[in-house]
Amino acid sequence: MEGAPAYGIIVGWGDYMRDVTVTGNVIRKSHIGIGVAAASGAGAALITDNLIDGAQDGAIRAMKGPTPVGPDLALESAESYPNLAVYSNVVR
């Protein structure tokens, strides 16, 4: 994915996300690289081995509806979000 005006990848919406993996993607020049649902009723997401380059507002962000919350999870811990596992992503 390259040049997306909003998200390179959006994973789930609210508590409608079920167990998913986001693995092995290359995302370039987007506002947010990967946005992932962090609602209390959402399923689990494993986000690993992605290359994210040029994301202006964070490489991997937890989302509450359309709003990013918390830190960039590619750079800081995802421990605050028990449904998210974020490992081994490359950010440039």
N, C-alpha and C. Protein backbone atom coordinates (compact mmCIF):
# COMPACT_ATOMS: atom_id res chain seq x y z
N MET A 1 0.85 -1.16 0.00
CA MET A 1 0.00 0.00 0.00
C MET A 1 0.89 1.23 0.00
N GLU A 2 0.61 2.19 -0.86
CA GLU A 2 1.40 3.41 -0.89
C GLU A 2 0.51 4.61 -1.17
N GLY A 3 0.72 5.67 -0.40
CA GLY A 3 0.03 6.93 -0.64
C GLY A 3 -1.40 7.00 -0.16
N ALA A 4 -1.79 6.18 0.80
CA ALA A 4 -3.16 6.24 1.32
C ALA A 4 -3.36 7.54 2.11
N PRO A 5 -4.43 8.28 1.84
CA PRO A 5 -4.63 9.56 2.52
C PRO A 5 -4.98 9.43 4.00
N ALA A 6 -5.47 8.28 4.42
CA ALA A 6 -5.84 8.09 5.83
C ALA A 6 -5.03 6.94 6.42
N TYR A 7 -5.49 5.72 6.27
CA TYR A 7 -4.84 4.53 6.83
C TYR A 7 -4.29 3.66 5.71
N GLY A 8 -3.09 3.11 5.93
CA GLY A 8 -2.60 2.09 5.00
C GLY A 8 -3.47 0.84 5.12
N ILE A 9 -3.74 0.45 6.37
CA ILE A 9 -4.62 -0.69 6.68
C ILE A 9 -5.45 -0.31 7.90
N ILE A 10 -6.75 -0.55 7.84
CA ILE A 10 -7.61 -0.38 9.02
C ILE A 10 -8.12 -1.77 9.40
N VAL A 11 -7.96 -2.12 10.67
CA VAL A 11 -8.27 -3.48 11.14
C VAL A 11 -9.44 -3.41 12.12
N GLY A 12 -10.59 -3.88 11.68
CA GLY A 12 -11.77 -3.90 12.53
C GLY A 12 -12.38 -2.53 12.74
N TRP A 13 -13.53 -2.51 13.41
CA TRP A 13 -14.20 -1.27 13.74
C TRP A 13 -14.96 -1.48 15.04
N GLY A 14 -14.56 -0.77 16.07
CA GLY A 14 -15.22 -0.94 17.37
C GLY A 14 -15.11 -2.37 17.85
N ASP A 15 -16.21 -2.89 18.38
CA ASP A 15 -16.17 -4.27 18.87
C ASP A 15 -16.53 -5.29 17.80
N TYR A 16 -16.57 -4.88 16.53
CA TYR A 16 -16.86 -5.81 15.44
C TYR A 16 -15.63 -6.54 14.94
N MET A 17 -14.45 -6.19 15.41
CA MET A 17 -13.24 -6.91 14.99
C MET A 17 -13.20 -8.28 15.66
N ARG A 18 -12.93 -9.29 14.88
CA ARG A 18 -12.72 -10.63 15.41
C ARG A 18 -11.24 -10.95 15.31
N ASP A 19 -10.82 -12.11 15.73
CA ASP A 19 -9.40 -12.45 15.78
C ASP A 19 -8.77 -12.37 14.39
N VAL A 20 -7.75 -11.54 14.26
CA VAL A 20 -7.11 -11.30 12.97
C VAL A 20 -5.59 -11.24 13.12
N THR A 21 -4.90 -11.45 12.00
CA THR A 21 -3.46 -11.21 11.93
C THR A 21 -3.20 -10.19 10.83
N VAL A 22 -2.22 -9.35 11.06
CA VAL A 22 -1.76 -8.37 10.06
C VAL A 22 -0.26 -8.58 9.98
N THR A 23 0.17 -9.31 8.96
CA THR A 23 1.55 -9.79 8.90
C THR A 23 2.13 -9.62 7.50
N GLY A 24 3.36 -9.14 7.44
CA GLY A 24 4.13 -9.14 6.20
C GLY A 24 3.72 -8.10 5.18
N ASN A 25 3.22 -6.96 5.61
CA ASN A 25 2.79 -5.91 4.69
C ASN A 25 3.85 -4.82 4.56
N VAL A 26 3.85 -4.14 3.42
CA VAL A 26 4.68 -2.96 3.21
C VAL A 26 3.72 -1.79 3.01
N ILE A 27 3.83 -0.79 3.89
CA ILE A 27 2.94 0.37 3.86
C ILE A 27 3.82 1.61 3.78
N ARG A 28 3.57 2.45 2.77
CA ARG A 28 4.38 3.65 2.58
C ARG A 28 3.50 4.89 2.44
N LYS A 29 3.94 5.98 3.05
CA LYS A 29 3.36 7.31 2.85
C LYS A 29 1.85 7.35 3.11
N SER A 30 1.46 7.07 4.34
CA SER A 30 0.06 7.20 4.73
C SER A 30 -0.02 8.09 5.96
N HIS A 31 -1.22 8.51 6.29
CA HIS A 31 -1.39 9.32 7.50
C HIS A 31 -1.11 8.47 8.73
N ILE A 32 -1.77 7.31 8.84
CA ILE A 32 -1.51 6.30 9.86
C ILE A 32 -1.24 4.99 9.13
N GLY A 33 -0.17 4.30 9.50
CA GLY A 33 0.17 3.05 8.81
C GLY A 33 -0.89 1.98 9.01
N ILE A 34 -1.10 1.56 10.26
CA ILE A 34 -2.11 0.55 10.59
C ILE A 34 -2.94 1.09 11.75
N GLY A 35 -4.24 1.16 11.56
CA GLY A 35 -5.17 1.53 12.62
C GLY A 35 -5.90 0.27 13.05
N VAL A 36 -5.97 0.00 14.34
CA VAL A 36 -6.56 -1.25 14.81
C VAL A 36 -7.55 -0.98 15.94
N ALA A 37 -8.71 -1.63 15.86
CA ALA A 37 -9.76 -1.45 16.86
C ALA A 37 -9.28 -1.87 18.24
N ALA A 38 -9.54 -1.02 19.23
CA ALA A 38 -9.13 -1.31 20.60
C ALA A 38 -10.31 -1.28 21.56
N ALA A 39 -11.52 -1.44 21.05
CA ALA A 39 -12.72 -1.43 21.90
C ALA A 39 -12.71 -2.65 22.82
N SER A 40 -13.36 -2.52 23.96
CA SER A 40 -13.33 -3.60 24.96
C SER A 40 -13.94 -4.90 24.45
N GLY A 41 -14.86 -4.87 23.52
CA GLY A 41 -15.47 -6.09 22.99
C GLY A 41 -14.81 -6.63 21.74
N ALA A 42 -13.74 -6.00 21.28
CA ALA A 42 -13.07 -6.43 20.05
C ALA A 42 -12.29 -7.71 20.28
N GLY A 43 -12.11 -8.49 19.22
CA GLY A 43 -11.29 -9.69 19.28
C GLY A 43 -9.81 -9.33 19.31
N ALA A 44 -8.98 -10.35 19.22
CA ALA A 44 -7.52 -10.16 19.28
C ALA A 44 -6.96 -9.82 17.90
N ALA A 45 -5.87 -9.06 17.91
CA ALA A 45 -5.14 -8.76 16.68
C ALA A 45 -3.66 -8.99 16.93
N LEU A 46 -3.03 -9.76 16.06
CA LEU A 46 -1.59 -9.97 16.07
C LEU A 46 -1.03 -9.17 14.90
N ILE A 47 -0.19 -8.19 15.19
CA ILE A 47 0.38 -7.31 14.17
C ILE A 47 1.89 -7.48 14.23
N THR A 48 2.45 -8.12 13.20
CA THR A 48 3.87 -8.46 13.25
C THR A 48 4.50 -8.47 11.85
N ASP A 49 5.79 -8.19 11.81
CA ASP A 49 6.61 -8.30 10.60
C ASP A 49 6.12 -7.43 9.45
N ASN A 50 5.67 -6.23 9.76
CA ASN A 50 5.27 -5.26 8.73
C ASN A 50 6.35 -4.20 8.60
N LEU A 51 6.49 -3.64 7.41
CA LEU A 51 7.40 -2.52 7.17
C LEU A 51 6.54 -1.29 6.91
N ILE A 52 6.70 -0.27 7.74
CA ILE A 52 5.88 0.93 7.64
C ILE A 52 6.81 2.13 7.49
N ASP A 53 6.68 2.83 6.38
CA ASP A 53 7.58 3.93 6.04
C ASP A 53 6.78 5.20 5.76
N GLY A 54 7.10 6.27 6.47
CA GLY A 54 6.50 7.56 6.17
C GLY A 54 5.09 7.76 6.68
N ALA A 55 4.71 7.08 7.76
CA ALA A 55 3.39 7.30 8.36
C ALA A 55 3.45 8.57 9.21
N GLN A 56 2.65 9.56 8.87
CA GLN A 56 2.75 10.89 9.49
C GLN A 56 2.25 10.94 10.92
N ASP A 57 1.22 10.17 11.27
CA ASP A 57 0.63 10.23 12.61
C ASP A 57 0.75 8.90 13.34
N GLY A 58 1.80 8.16 13.05
CA GLY A 58 2.06 6.91 13.75
C GLY A 58 1.99 5.71 12.84
N ALA A 59 2.86 4.76 13.09
CA ALA A 59 2.92 3.55 12.27
C ALA A 59 1.79 2.59 12.62
N ILE A 60 1.55 2.37 13.92
CA ILE A 60 0.48 1.48 14.38
C ILE A 60 -0.24 2.19 15.52
N ARG A 61 -1.52 2.46 15.34
CA ARG A 61 -2.28 3.20 16.34
C ARG A 61 -3.53 2.42 16.73
N ALA A 62 -3.81 2.37 18.03
CA ALA A 62 -5.08 1.85 18.53
C ALA A 62 -6.16 2.87 18.18
N MET A 63 -7.34 2.39 17.86
CA MET A 63 -8.43 3.27 17.43
C MET A 63 -9.67 3.04 18.28
N LYS A 64 -10.31 4.12 18.69
CA LYS A 64 -11.64 4.09 19.29
C LYS A 64 -12.55 4.74 18.26
N GLY A 65 -13.23 3.92 17.46
CA GLY A 65 -13.98 4.47 16.33
C GLY A 65 -12.99 5.08 15.35
N PRO A 66 -13.25 6.32 14.91
CA PRO A 66 -12.34 6.95 13.95
C PRO A 66 -11.16 7.68 14.58
N THR A 67 -11.06 7.64 15.91
CA THR A 67 -10.06 8.44 16.62
C THR A 67 -8.88 7.62 17.11
N PRO A 68 -7.65 7.98 16.72
CA PRO A 68 -6.48 7.29 17.27
C PRO A 68 -6.31 7.64 18.75
N VAL A 69 -5.95 6.64 19.54
CA VAL A 69 -5.75 6.84 20.98
C VAL A 69 -4.40 6.26 21.38
N GLY A 70 -3.81 6.84 22.41
CA GLY A 70 -2.55 6.31 22.93
C GLY A 70 -1.38 6.56 22.01
N PRO A 71 -0.25 5.92 22.35
CA PRO A 71 1.00 6.14 21.60
C PRO A 71 1.05 5.32 20.32
N ASP A 72 2.11 5.55 19.55
CA ASP A 72 2.41 4.72 18.39
C ASP A 72 2.86 3.35 18.91
N LEU A 73 2.08 2.32 18.66
CA LEU A 73 2.35 0.99 19.22
C LEU A 73 3.52 0.28 18.55
N ALA A 74 4.02 0.82 17.45
CA ALA A 74 5.23 0.27 16.85
C ALA A 74 6.46 0.73 17.62
N LEU A 75 6.32 1.82 18.38
CA LEU A 75 7.45 2.39 19.11
C LEU A 75 7.34 2.23 20.62
N GLU A 76 6.13 2.02 21.12
CA GLU A 76 5.90 1.87 22.56
C GLU A 76 5.07 0.62 22.83
N SER A 77 5.00 0.22 24.06
CA SER A 77 4.32 -1.01 24.46
C SER A 77 2.82 -0.97 24.18
N ALA A 78 2.27 -2.13 23.83
CA ALA A 78 0.83 -2.28 23.63
C ALA A 78 0.16 -2.89 24.86
N GLU A 79 0.85 -2.91 25.99
CA GLU A 79 0.32 -3.55 27.20
C GLU A 79 -1.02 -2.97 27.66
N SER A 80 -1.28 -1.73 27.36
CA SER A 80 -2.55 -1.10 27.76
C SER A 80 -3.75 -1.64 26.99
N TYR A 81 -3.49 -2.39 25.93
CA TYR A 81 -4.54 -2.93 25.07
C TYR A 81 -4.45 -4.45 25.07
N PRO A 82 -5.20 -5.12 25.95
CA PRO A 82 -5.05 -6.57 26.11
C PRO A 82 -5.41 -7.38 24.87
N ASN A 83 -6.14 -6.80 23.93
CA ASN A 83 -6.50 -7.54 22.72
C ASN A 83 -5.47 -7.39 21.61
N LEU A 84 -4.41 -6.60 21.83
CA LEU A 84 -3.43 -6.36 20.77
C LEU A 84 -2.07 -6.93 21.11
N ALA A 85 -1.46 -7.61 20.14
CA ALA A 85 -0.08 -8.10 20.25
C ALA A 85 0.68 -7.50 19.06
N VAL A 86 1.68 -6.67 19.36
CA VAL A 86 2.42 -5.94 18.33
C VAL A 86 3.90 -6.25 18.50
N TYR A 87 4.50 -6.91 17.48
CA TYR A 87 5.89 -7.34 17.58
C TYR A 87 6.60 -7.22 16.23
N SER A 88 7.89 -6.96 16.27
CA SER A 88 8.81 -7.12 15.13
C SER A 88 8.39 -6.36 13.88
N ASN A 89 7.90 -5.16 14.05
CA ASN A 89 7.58 -4.31 12.91
C ASN A 89 8.73 -3.33 12.69
N VAL A 90 8.98 -2.98 11.44
CA VAL A 90 10.05 -2.04 11.09
C VAL A 90 9.40 -0.72 10.71
N VAL A 91 9.87 0.36 11.34
CA VAL A 91 9.33 1.70 11.08
C VAL A 91 10.46 2.59 10.60
N ARG A 92 10.21 3.28 9.50
CA ARG A 92 11.20 4.24 8.97
C ARG A 92 10.54 5.57 8.74
